[in-house]
């Protein structure tokens, strides 16, 4: 009996160690999110293998019955696959979006989705964002002062080292890195509100300032606007210990931010001139002063011309760019044509690829996610969804690897946590 008991203890100890290892792999996965896709791919495959080795019926029961809604974005792509003329592109999109299918199955089987683990994951995300930003600033200062030997302030103010110029050393698109940083800022603000010890508050404040500086240098309009809206108009509805003080500090901080934005030439152009030109139609087909390419609104006009021709079912999962290029050539948008630009709007993208039917399914999934977040009063989940929904306005987030992973991973975590919480409340 003693021998059997000892064996059982060893088995349970080994199981516990495997669960800890899987949690460590998830944290490692999050830590490498801002970096090369190679690392996260290797970690995900390892996590998948360890999860399947330890698969049990009891664990399968932990997957919510609403799992198909979390996989719906991928299912939409499969449903409209056969309509595609460009099957190669359709296959490529479905391959990239495969994590949308897998994460809702793998995550609840690999780790316990509870508040403790979610806090660990968000802390890891915040840590990797802070370290990445510090590295980027160190690289920036070293490059300007020691390699180029140029005046620091004047060189930075030129605008070259903002946006993609800032994120280039770690090879990540500025818009997608901004998504990670935005979520980290909102989590950090929530943590700051719960801290009591002055030193801890000071350390968290320094972390938030670092994240804000990184966000401003990335100069992603959508992310900056999202963070402002959430902290000024959404967060005050949640539990804040000193609401008046918080609002006063927030308003003063954002006022200072706007003063800085409109006193630095690059920011002034990006948040006023470029923003206006992006939504202003061409004047008699003559370019006014467009920095890089034709304004987005011209591409959107091409997209709506396509949507009118096939409004119900669209053109298929892989045919967005192919079909848009036919319209670009007609309207003389040669830069968009040569650069193979997509619609740069997730909502319009779904209307082109999947028509009204696919678009309604797409909206249904996000309405359900919003319902969960609001019903559970989950500030982080609601903030995450708002960041995405605003980001969809100018980016095809769900067509890019970094955007797909951001959505699939965190939506599964936050959504499942809300489902578990709501189920426990009903019980």
Protein backbone atom coordinates (compact mmCIF):
# COMPACT_ATOMS: atom_id res chain seq x y z
CA UNK A 1 0.00 0.00 0.00
CA UNK A 2 2.85 2.38 0.87
CA UNK A 3 4.44 1.70 -2.50
CA UNK A 4 1.17 2.42 -4.32
CA UNK A 5 0.67 5.60 -2.29
CA UNK A 6 4.20 6.74 -3.10
CA UNK A 7 3.66 6.08 -6.82
CA UNK A 8 0.42 8.05 -6.79
CA UNK A 9 2.17 10.99 -5.12
CA UNK A 10 4.88 10.91 -7.76
CA UNK A 11 2.29 10.80 -10.55
CA UNK A 12 0.37 13.78 -9.14
CA UNK A 13 3.65 15.61 -8.60
CA UNK A 14 4.62 14.98 -12.24
CA UNK A 15 1.20 16.16 -13.45
CA UNK A 16 1.57 19.32 -11.41
CA UNK A 17 5.03 19.89 -12.88
CA UNK A 18 3.68 19.44 -16.43
CA UNK A 19 0.93 21.99 -15.73
CA UNK A 20 3.52 24.43 -14.41
CA UNK A 21 5.65 23.81 -17.50
CA UNK A 22 2.67 24.55 -19.76
CA UNK A 23 1.96 27.77 -17.86
CA UNK A 24 5.63 28.71 -18.22
CA UNK A 25 5.39 28.06 -21.98
CA UNK A 26 2.30 30.28 -22.22
CA UNK A 27 4.14 33.06 -20.38
CA UNK A 28 7.16 32.55 -22.65
CA UNK A 29 4.84 32.73 -25.66
CA UNK A 30 3.49 36.09 -24.45
CA UNK A 31 7.00 37.37 -23.71
CA UNK A 32 8.08 36.75 -27.33
CA UNK A 33 4.94 38.24 -28.93
CA UNK A 34 6.67 41.50 -30.00
CA UNK A 35 9.54 39.59 -31.62
CA UNK A 36 10.15 37.26 -34.54
CA UNK A 37 7.32 34.85 -35.32
CA UNK A 38 9.79 31.95 -35.27
CA UNK A 39 10.00 31.95 -31.45
CA UNK A 40 6.26 31.99 -30.79
CA UNK A 41 5.71 29.27 -33.42
CA UNK A 42 8.23 26.91 -31.73
CA UNK A 43 6.74 27.63 -28.29
CA UNK A 44 3.19 27.07 -29.55
CA UNK A 45 4.07 23.70 -31.13
CA UNK A 46 5.77 22.61 -27.89
CA UNK A 47 2.71 23.70 -25.88
CA UNK A 48 0.43 21.84 -28.27
CA UNK A 49 2.42 18.60 -27.92
CA UNK A 50 2.54 18.81 -24.11
CA UNK A 51 -1.20 19.49 -24.01
CA UNK A 52 -2.10 16.54 -26.23
CA UNK A 53 0.15 14.19 -24.22
CA UNK A 54 -1.76 15.03 -21.05
CA UNK A 55 -5.24 15.13 -22.64
CA UNK A 56 -8.14 13.87 -20.48
CA UNK A 57 -11.92 13.85 -20.73
CA UNK A 58 -12.21 16.00 -17.61
CA UNK A 59 -10.16 18.71 -19.24
CA UNK A 60 -12.23 18.63 -22.42
CA UNK A 61 -15.26 19.53 -20.28
CA UNK A 62 -13.52 22.80 -19.37
CA UNK A 63 -13.98 24.02 -22.96
CA UNK A 64 -17.12 26.20 -22.99
CA UNK A 65 -19.97 25.17 -25.28
CA UNK A 66 -19.70 28.64 -26.87
CA UNK A 67 -16.29 27.66 -28.27
CA UNK A 68 -17.60 27.86 -31.86
CA UNK A 69 -18.29 31.60 -31.46
CA UNK A 70 -14.63 32.14 -30.55
CA UNK A 71 -13.72 30.17 -33.69
CA UNK A 72 -16.30 31.91 -35.88
CA UNK A 73 -13.82 34.25 -37.61
CA UNK A 74 -11.96 31.20 -38.90
CA UNK A 75 -15.18 29.40 -39.80
CA UNK A 76 -16.25 32.41 -41.93
CA UNK A 77 -13.01 32.13 -43.90
CA UNK A 78 -13.61 28.43 -44.53
CA UNK A 79 -17.25 29.00 -45.58
CA UNK A 80 -16.23 31.50 -48.27
CA UNK A 81 -13.10 29.66 -49.40
CA UNK A 82 -14.67 28.05 -52.48
CA UNK A 83 -15.72 31.43 -53.90
CA UNK A 84 -12.07 32.49 -54.17
CA UNK A 85 -10.35 32.69 -57.52
CA UNK A 86 -6.98 33.08 -55.81
CA UNK A 87 -6.89 29.83 -53.81
CA UNK A 88 -3.22 30.33 -52.96
CA UNK A 89 -3.98 33.55 -51.09
CA UNK A 90 -7.06 31.98 -49.48
CA UNK A 91 -4.93 29.09 -48.21
CA UNK A 92 -2.35 31.55 -46.91
CA UNK A 93 -4.99 33.52 -44.98
CA UNK A 94 -6.53 30.38 -43.46
CA UNK A 95 -3.08 29.12 -42.51
CA UNK A 96 -2.30 32.37 -40.69
CA UNK A 97 -5.71 32.38 -38.99
CA UNK A 98 -5.38 28.78 -37.82
CA UNK A 99 -4.64 29.95 -34.26
CA UNK A 100 -8.17 31.42 -34.15
CA UNK A 101 -9.39 27.83 -34.49
CA UNK A 102 -6.80 26.30 -32.15
CA UNK A 103 -6.46 28.69 -29.20
CA UNK A 104 -10.09 28.29 -28.01
CA UNK A 105 -9.39 24.53 -27.85
CA UNK A 106 -5.80 24.45 -26.63
CA UNK A 107 -5.69 27.17 -23.95
CA UNK A 108 -8.32 25.70 -21.56
CA UNK A 109 -6.69 22.27 -21.97
CA UNK A 110 -3.16 23.53 -21.30
CA UNK A 111 -3.64 25.94 -18.37
CA UNK A 112 -6.25 26.92 -15.81
CA UNK A 113 -7.99 30.05 -17.03
CA UNK A 114 -8.41 32.00 -13.82
CA UNK A 115 -7.69 35.53 -12.64
CA UNK A 116 -4.31 34.60 -11.15
CA UNK A 117 -3.00 33.19 -14.42
CA UNK A 118 -4.48 36.03 -16.47
CA UNK A 119 -2.71 38.52 -14.19
CA UNK A 120 0.54 36.61 -14.71
CA UNK A 121 0.04 36.72 -18.47
CA UNK A 122 -0.76 40.44 -18.53
CA UNK A 123 2.20 41.16 -16.24
CA UNK A 124 4.44 39.26 -18.66
CA UNK A 125 3.01 41.23 -21.59
CA UNK A 126 3.67 44.50 -19.74
CA UNK A 127 7.21 43.40 -18.88
CA UNK A 128 8.11 42.48 -22.47
CA UNK A 129 6.61 45.73 -23.78
CA UNK A 130 8.60 47.81 -21.27
CA UNK A 131 11.85 45.95 -22.01
CA UNK A 132 11.28 46.28 -25.77
CA UNK A 133 10.61 50.03 -25.47
CA UNK A 134 13.71 50.56 -23.30
CA UNK A 135 15.80 48.64 -25.85
CA UNK A 136 14.37 50.72 -28.71
CA UNK A 137 15.17 53.98 -26.90
CA UNK A 138 18.67 52.75 -26.09
CA UNK A 139 19.19 51.79 -29.75
CA UNK A 140 17.78 55.15 -30.88
CA UNK A 141 20.03 57.21 -28.59
CA UNK A 142 23.11 55.12 -29.40
CA UNK A 143 22.48 55.39 -33.14
CA UNK A 144 21.99 59.16 -33.11
CA UNK A 145 24.69 60.12 -30.59
CA UNK A 146 27.48 57.61 -31.28
CA UNK A 147 27.03 56.34 -34.84
CA UNK A 148 25.44 59.25 -36.66
CA UNK A 149 26.89 61.81 -34.18
CA UNK A 150 23.95 64.15 -34.66
CA UNK A 151 22.13 66.45 -32.19
CA UNK A 152 19.64 64.30 -30.30
CA UNK A 153 16.54 66.54 -30.00
CA UNK A 154 16.76 68.00 -33.50
CA UNK A 155 17.27 64.56 -35.10
CA UNK A 156 14.39 62.95 -33.20
CA UNK A 157 12.12 65.91 -34.03
CA UNK A 158 12.72 65.31 -37.74
CA UNK A 159 10.14 62.51 -37.58
CA UNK A 160 12.21 59.70 -39.13
CA UNK A 161 12.54 57.82 -35.83
CA UNK A 162 8.82 57.73 -35.08
CA UNK A 163 6.27 55.09 -36.14
CA UNK A 164 7.92 52.30 -38.19
CA UNK A 165 11.30 53.98 -37.79
CA UNK A 166 11.01 53.42 -34.01
CA UNK A 167 9.87 49.77 -34.12
CA UNK A 168 12.15 48.70 -37.00
CA UNK A 169 15.02 47.31 -34.80
CA UNK A 170 12.75 44.54 -33.46
CA UNK A 171 11.05 44.01 -36.85
CA UNK A 172 7.45 44.56 -35.80
CA UNK A 173 4.82 46.72 -37.48
CA UNK A 174 4.23 49.85 -35.38
CA UNK A 175 0.44 49.43 -35.38
CA UNK A 176 0.56 45.89 -33.97
CA UNK A 177 3.19 46.69 -31.35
CA UNK A 178 0.89 49.57 -30.32
CA UNK A 179 -1.91 47.07 -29.69
CA UNK A 180 0.24 45.18 -27.17
CA UNK A 181 1.38 48.39 -25.49
CA UNK A 182 -2.18 49.79 -25.29
CA UNK A 183 -3.40 46.68 -23.47
CA UNK A 184 -0.38 46.86 -21.14
CA UNK A 185 -1.12 50.51 -20.32
CA UNK A 186 -4.74 49.78 -19.43
CA UNK A 187 -3.76 46.81 -17.27
CA UNK A 188 -1.07 48.91 -15.54
CA UNK A 189 -3.54 51.73 -14.81
CA UNK A 190 -5.90 49.19 -13.26
CA UNK A 191 -3.06 47.81 -11.10
CA UNK A 192 -1.97 51.33 -10.10
CA UNK A 193 -5.51 52.03 -8.87
CA UNK A 194 -5.34 48.99 -6.56
CA UNK A 195 -1.92 49.70 -5.01
CA UNK A 196 -1.57 51.23 -1.54
CA UNK A 197 2.19 51.41 -0.90
CA UNK A 198 3.78 54.64 -2.22
CA UNK A 199 6.93 52.95 -3.58
CA UNK A 200 4.85 50.39 -5.50
CA UNK A 201 2.70 53.18 -6.92
CA UNK A 202 5.81 55.10 -7.99
CA UNK A 203 7.27 52.04 -9.76
CA UNK A 204 3.98 51.38 -11.55
CA UNK A 205 3.75 55.03 -12.56
CA UNK A 206 7.23 54.83 -14.11
CA UNK A 207 6.14 51.72 -16.03
CA UNK A 208 3.04 53.54 -17.34
CA UNK A 209 5.13 56.56 -18.39
CA UNK A 210 7.56 54.26 -20.25
CA UNK A 211 4.67 52.56 -22.02
CA UNK A 212 3.12 55.94 -22.94
CA UNK A 213 6.43 57.19 -24.37
CA UNK A 214 6.68 54.02 -26.45
CA UNK A 215 3.12 54.45 -27.66
CA UNK A 216 3.76 58.06 -28.70
CA UNK A 217 6.95 57.18 -30.56
CA UNK A 218 5.08 54.44 -32.40
CA UNK A 219 2.59 57.19 -33.34
CA UNK A 220 -0.30 54.82 -34.03
CA UNK A 221 -3.33 57.11 -34.17
CA UNK A 222 -5.86 54.36 -33.51
CA UNK A 223 -4.11 53.05 -30.40
CA UNK A 224 -3.49 56.50 -28.91
CA UNK A 225 -7.12 57.53 -29.52
CA UNK A 226 -8.35 54.19 -28.09
CA UNK A 227 -6.34 54.60 -24.88
CA UNK A 228 -7.57 58.19 -24.42
CA UNK A 229 -11.21 57.21 -24.94
CA UNK A 230 -11.02 54.20 -22.60
CA UNK A 231 -9.23 55.99 -19.76
CA UNK A 232 -11.39 59.13 -19.94
CA UNK A 233 -14.83 57.69 -20.70
CA UNK A 234 -14.84 53.93 -19.95
CA UNK A 235 -12.64 53.37 -16.90
CA UNK A 236 -14.47 55.94 -14.69
CA UNK A 237 -17.51 53.62 -14.78
CA UNK A 238 -15.47 50.92 -13.05
CA UNK A 239 -14.19 50.79 -9.47
CA UNK A 240 -11.86 53.74 -8.85
CA UNK A 241 -10.92 54.61 -5.27
CA UNK A 242 -10.65 58.36 -5.85
CA UNK A 243 -12.62 59.11 -8.99
CA UNK A 244 -12.35 62.92 -8.88
CA UNK A 245 -8.59 62.81 -8.40
CA UNK A 246 -8.23 60.25 -11.18
CA UNK A 247 -10.29 62.33 -13.64
CA UNK A 248 -8.40 65.53 -12.77
CA UNK A 249 -4.98 63.89 -13.26
CA UNK A 250 -6.15 62.17 -16.46
CA UNK A 251 -7.51 65.38 -17.99
CA UNK A 252 -4.33 67.29 -17.12
CA UNK A 253 -2.16 64.50 -18.52
CA UNK A 254 -4.12 64.27 -21.77
CA UNK A 255 -4.15 68.07 -22.11
CA UNK A 256 -0.35 68.02 -21.79
CA UNK A 257 -0.23 65.25 -24.40
CA UNK A 258 -2.25 67.30 -26.87
CA UNK A 259 -0.01 70.33 -26.29
CA UNK A 260 3.04 68.19 -27.07
CA UNK A 261 1.36 66.64 -30.13
CA UNK A 262 0.53 70.00 -31.68
CA UNK A 263 3.93 71.53 -30.90
CA UNK A 264 6.00 68.80 -32.57
CA UNK A 265 5.83 69.10 -36.35
CA UNK A 266 5.75 65.35 -37.01
CA UNK A 267 2.85 64.74 -34.60
CA UNK A 268 0.97 67.78 -35.83
CA UNK A 269 1.16 66.50 -39.40
CA UNK A 270 0.29 62.93 -38.42
CA UNK A 271 -2.70 63.81 -36.23
CA UNK A 272 -4.07 66.62 -38.35
CA UNK A 273 -2.70 66.91 -41.89
CA UNK A 274 -2.22 63.19 -42.61
CA UNK A 275 -5.42 62.25 -40.77
CA UNK A 276 -7.46 64.72 -42.85
CA UNK A 277 -5.80 63.72 -46.13
CA UNK A 278 -6.47 60.05 -45.36
CA UNK A 279 -10.23 60.63 -45.35
CA UNK A 280 -10.37 63.45 -47.92
CA UNK A 281 -11.14 62.41 -51.53
CA UNK A 282 -8.77 63.44 -54.29
CA UNK A 283 -9.48 66.83 -55.85
CA UNK A 284 -10.11 66.28 -59.57
CA UNK A 285 -7.72 63.30 -59.41
CA UNK A 286 -4.81 65.60 -58.49
CA UNK A 287 -2.75 64.83 -55.41
CA UNK A 288 -2.77 67.54 -52.77
CA UNK A 289 0.08 66.52 -50.40
CA UNK A 290 0.01 62.83 -49.63
CA UNK A 291 3.11 61.60 -47.83
CA UNK A 292 3.29 58.02 -49.06
CA UNK A 293 0.27 56.89 -51.02
CA UNK A 294 -3.27 57.73 -52.06
CA UNK A 295 -5.70 58.43 -49.20
CA UNK A 296 -7.51 55.47 -47.68
CA UNK A 297 -10.86 56.91 -48.66
CA UNK A 298 -9.99 56.39 -52.33
CA UNK A 299 -9.27 52.71 -51.67
CA UNK A 300 -12.51 52.49 -49.71
CA UNK A 301 -14.37 53.99 -52.67
CA UNK A 302 -12.90 51.24 -54.88
CA UNK A 303 -13.96 48.68 -52.29
CA UNK A 304 -17.57 49.90 -52.21
CA UNK A 305 -17.74 49.75 -56.01
CA UNK A 306 -16.81 46.07 -55.71
CA UNK A 307 -19.26 45.44 -52.86
CA UNK A 308 -22.15 46.84 -54.94
CA UNK A 309 -21.47 44.23 -57.64
CA UNK A 310 -21.60 41.27 -55.21
CA UNK A 311 -23.20 42.49 -51.99
CA UNK A 312 -24.55 39.25 -50.55
CA UNK A 313 -21.68 36.74 -50.75
CA UNK A 314 -18.67 38.84 -51.76
CA UNK A 315 -15.78 37.42 -53.78
CA UNK A 316 -14.18 34.82 -51.51
CA UNK A 317 -11.64 34.54 -48.70
CA UNK A 318 -8.54 35.14 -50.81
CA UNK A 319 -9.73 37.68 -53.37
CA UNK A 320 -9.71 41.03 -51.58
CA UNK A 321 -6.46 42.38 -53.04
CA UNK A 322 -6.98 40.74 -56.44
CA UNK A 323 -10.37 42.37 -56.88
CA UNK A 324 -9.26 45.71 -55.44
CA UNK A 325 -6.39 45.90 -57.95
CA UNK A 326 -8.91 45.79 -60.81
CA UNK A 327 -10.50 48.93 -59.37
CA UNK A 328 -7.17 50.59 -58.53
CA UNK A 329 -6.14 50.33 -62.20
CA UNK A 330 -9.44 51.86 -63.35
CA UNK A 331 -9.09 54.84 -61.00
CA UNK A 332 -5.36 55.39 -61.49
CA UNK A 333 -4.35 54.53 -57.93
CA UNK A 334 -1.01 53.24 -59.15
CA UNK A 335 0.76 53.23 -55.75
CA UNK A 336 -2.01 51.12 -54.18
CA UNK A 337 -1.88 48.84 -57.23
CA UNK A 338 1.89 48.35 -57.17
CA UNK A 339 2.02 47.90 -53.39
CA UNK A 340 -0.86 45.34 -53.44
CA UNK A 341 -2.70 47.27 -50.75
CA UNK A 342 -5.75 45.73 -49.12
CA UNK A 343 -8.69 47.88 -47.99
CA UNK A 344 -6.97 48.85 -44.71
CA UNK A 345 -10.34 48.51 -43.00
CA UNK A 346 -11.41 45.21 -41.43
CA UNK A 347 -15.14 45.90 -41.82
CA UNK A 348 -14.83 46.70 -45.53
CA UNK A 349 -12.50 43.73 -45.94
CA UNK A 350 -15.20 41.32 -44.73
CA UNK A 351 -17.78 42.92 -47.01
CA UNK A 352 -15.47 42.37 -50.00
CA UNK A 353 -14.49 38.80 -49.13
CA UNK A 354 -17.68 37.47 -47.57
CA UNK A 355 -20.45 39.92 -48.46
CA UNK A 356 -23.26 40.90 -46.12
CA UNK A 357 -23.66 37.31 -44.91
CA UNK A 358 -20.06 37.03 -43.70
CA UNK A 359 -20.10 40.59 -42.38
CA UNK A 360 -23.18 39.89 -40.23
CA UNK A 361 -21.50 36.76 -38.81
CA UNK A 362 -18.38 38.82 -38.10
CA UNK A 363 -20.43 41.48 -36.25
CA UNK A 364 -22.39 38.80 -34.39
CA UNK A 365 -19.19 37.37 -32.89
CA UNK A 366 -18.01 40.77 -31.65
CA UNK A 367 -21.44 41.71 -30.29
CA UNK A 368 -21.33 38.48 -28.29
CA UNK A 369 -17.83 39.27 -26.98
CA UNK A 370 -18.99 42.77 -25.98
CA UNK A 371 -22.02 41.24 -24.25
CA UNK A 372 -19.73 38.96 -22.20
CA UNK A 373 -17.39 41.80 -21.22
CA UNK A 374 -20.20 44.17 -20.19
CA UNK A 375 -22.24 41.48 -18.40
CA UNK A 376 -19.15 40.37 -16.45
CA UNK A 377 -18.09 44.02 -15.86
CA UNK A 378 -14.65 43.02 -17.12
CA UNK A 379 -12.75 46.26 -17.77
CA UNK A 380 -9.71 44.65 -19.42
CA UNK A 381 -11.82 42.52 -21.77
CA UNK A 382 -14.00 45.49 -22.74
CA UNK A 383 -10.90 47.65 -23.29
CA UNK A 384 -9.30 44.93 -25.42
CA UNK A 385 -12.40 44.78 -27.66
CA UNK A 386 -12.60 48.57 -27.99
CA UNK A 387 -8.92 48.69 -29.02
CA UNK A 388 -9.67 46.12 -31.73
CA UNK A 389 -12.91 47.68 -32.94
CA UNK A 390 -11.27 51.10 -33.32
CA UNK A 391 -8.18 49.51 -34.88
CA UNK A 392 -10.36 47.74 -37.47
CA UNK A 393 -11.22 51.17 -38.88
CA UNK A 394 -7.82 51.60 -40.57
CA UNK A 395 -6.15 48.16 -40.46
CA UNK A 396 -6.89 44.60 -41.56
CA UNK A 397 -5.81 43.34 -38.14
CA UNK A 398 -7.20 39.84 -38.66
CA UNK A 399 -5.16 39.33 -41.84
CA UNK A 400 -1.75 39.91 -40.22
CA UNK A 401 0.09 37.37 -38.05
CA UNK A 402 0.69 39.74 -35.12
CA UNK A 403 -2.91 40.99 -35.18
CA UNK A 404 -4.37 37.49 -35.52
CA UNK A 405 -2.38 36.19 -32.53
CA UNK A 406 -3.30 39.26 -30.45
CA UNK A 407 -7.00 38.64 -31.13
CA UNK A 408 -7.03 34.83 -30.88
CA UNK A 409 -4.94 34.50 -27.72
CA UNK A 410 -6.32 37.31 -25.56
CA UNK A 411 -9.92 37.01 -26.75
CA UNK A 412 -9.91 33.35 -25.71
CA UNK A 413 -8.43 34.16 -22.30
CA UNK A 414 -10.68 37.10 -21.48
CA UNK A 415 -13.79 35.62 -23.07
CA UNK A 416 -13.50 32.28 -21.29
CA UNK A 417 -12.78 34.01 -17.98
CA UNK A 418 -16.00 36.02 -18.39
CA UNK A 419 -17.97 32.88 -19.28
CA UNK A 420 -16.64 31.06 -16.19
CA UNK A 421 -17.41 34.07 -13.98
CA UNK A 422 -20.95 34.42 -15.33
CA UNK A 423 -21.58 30.67 -14.93
CA UNK A 424 -20.36 30.79 -11.32
CA UNK A 425 -22.58 33.81 -10.57
CA UNK A 426 -25.62 32.03 -11.99
CA UNK A 427 -24.86 28.96 -9.87
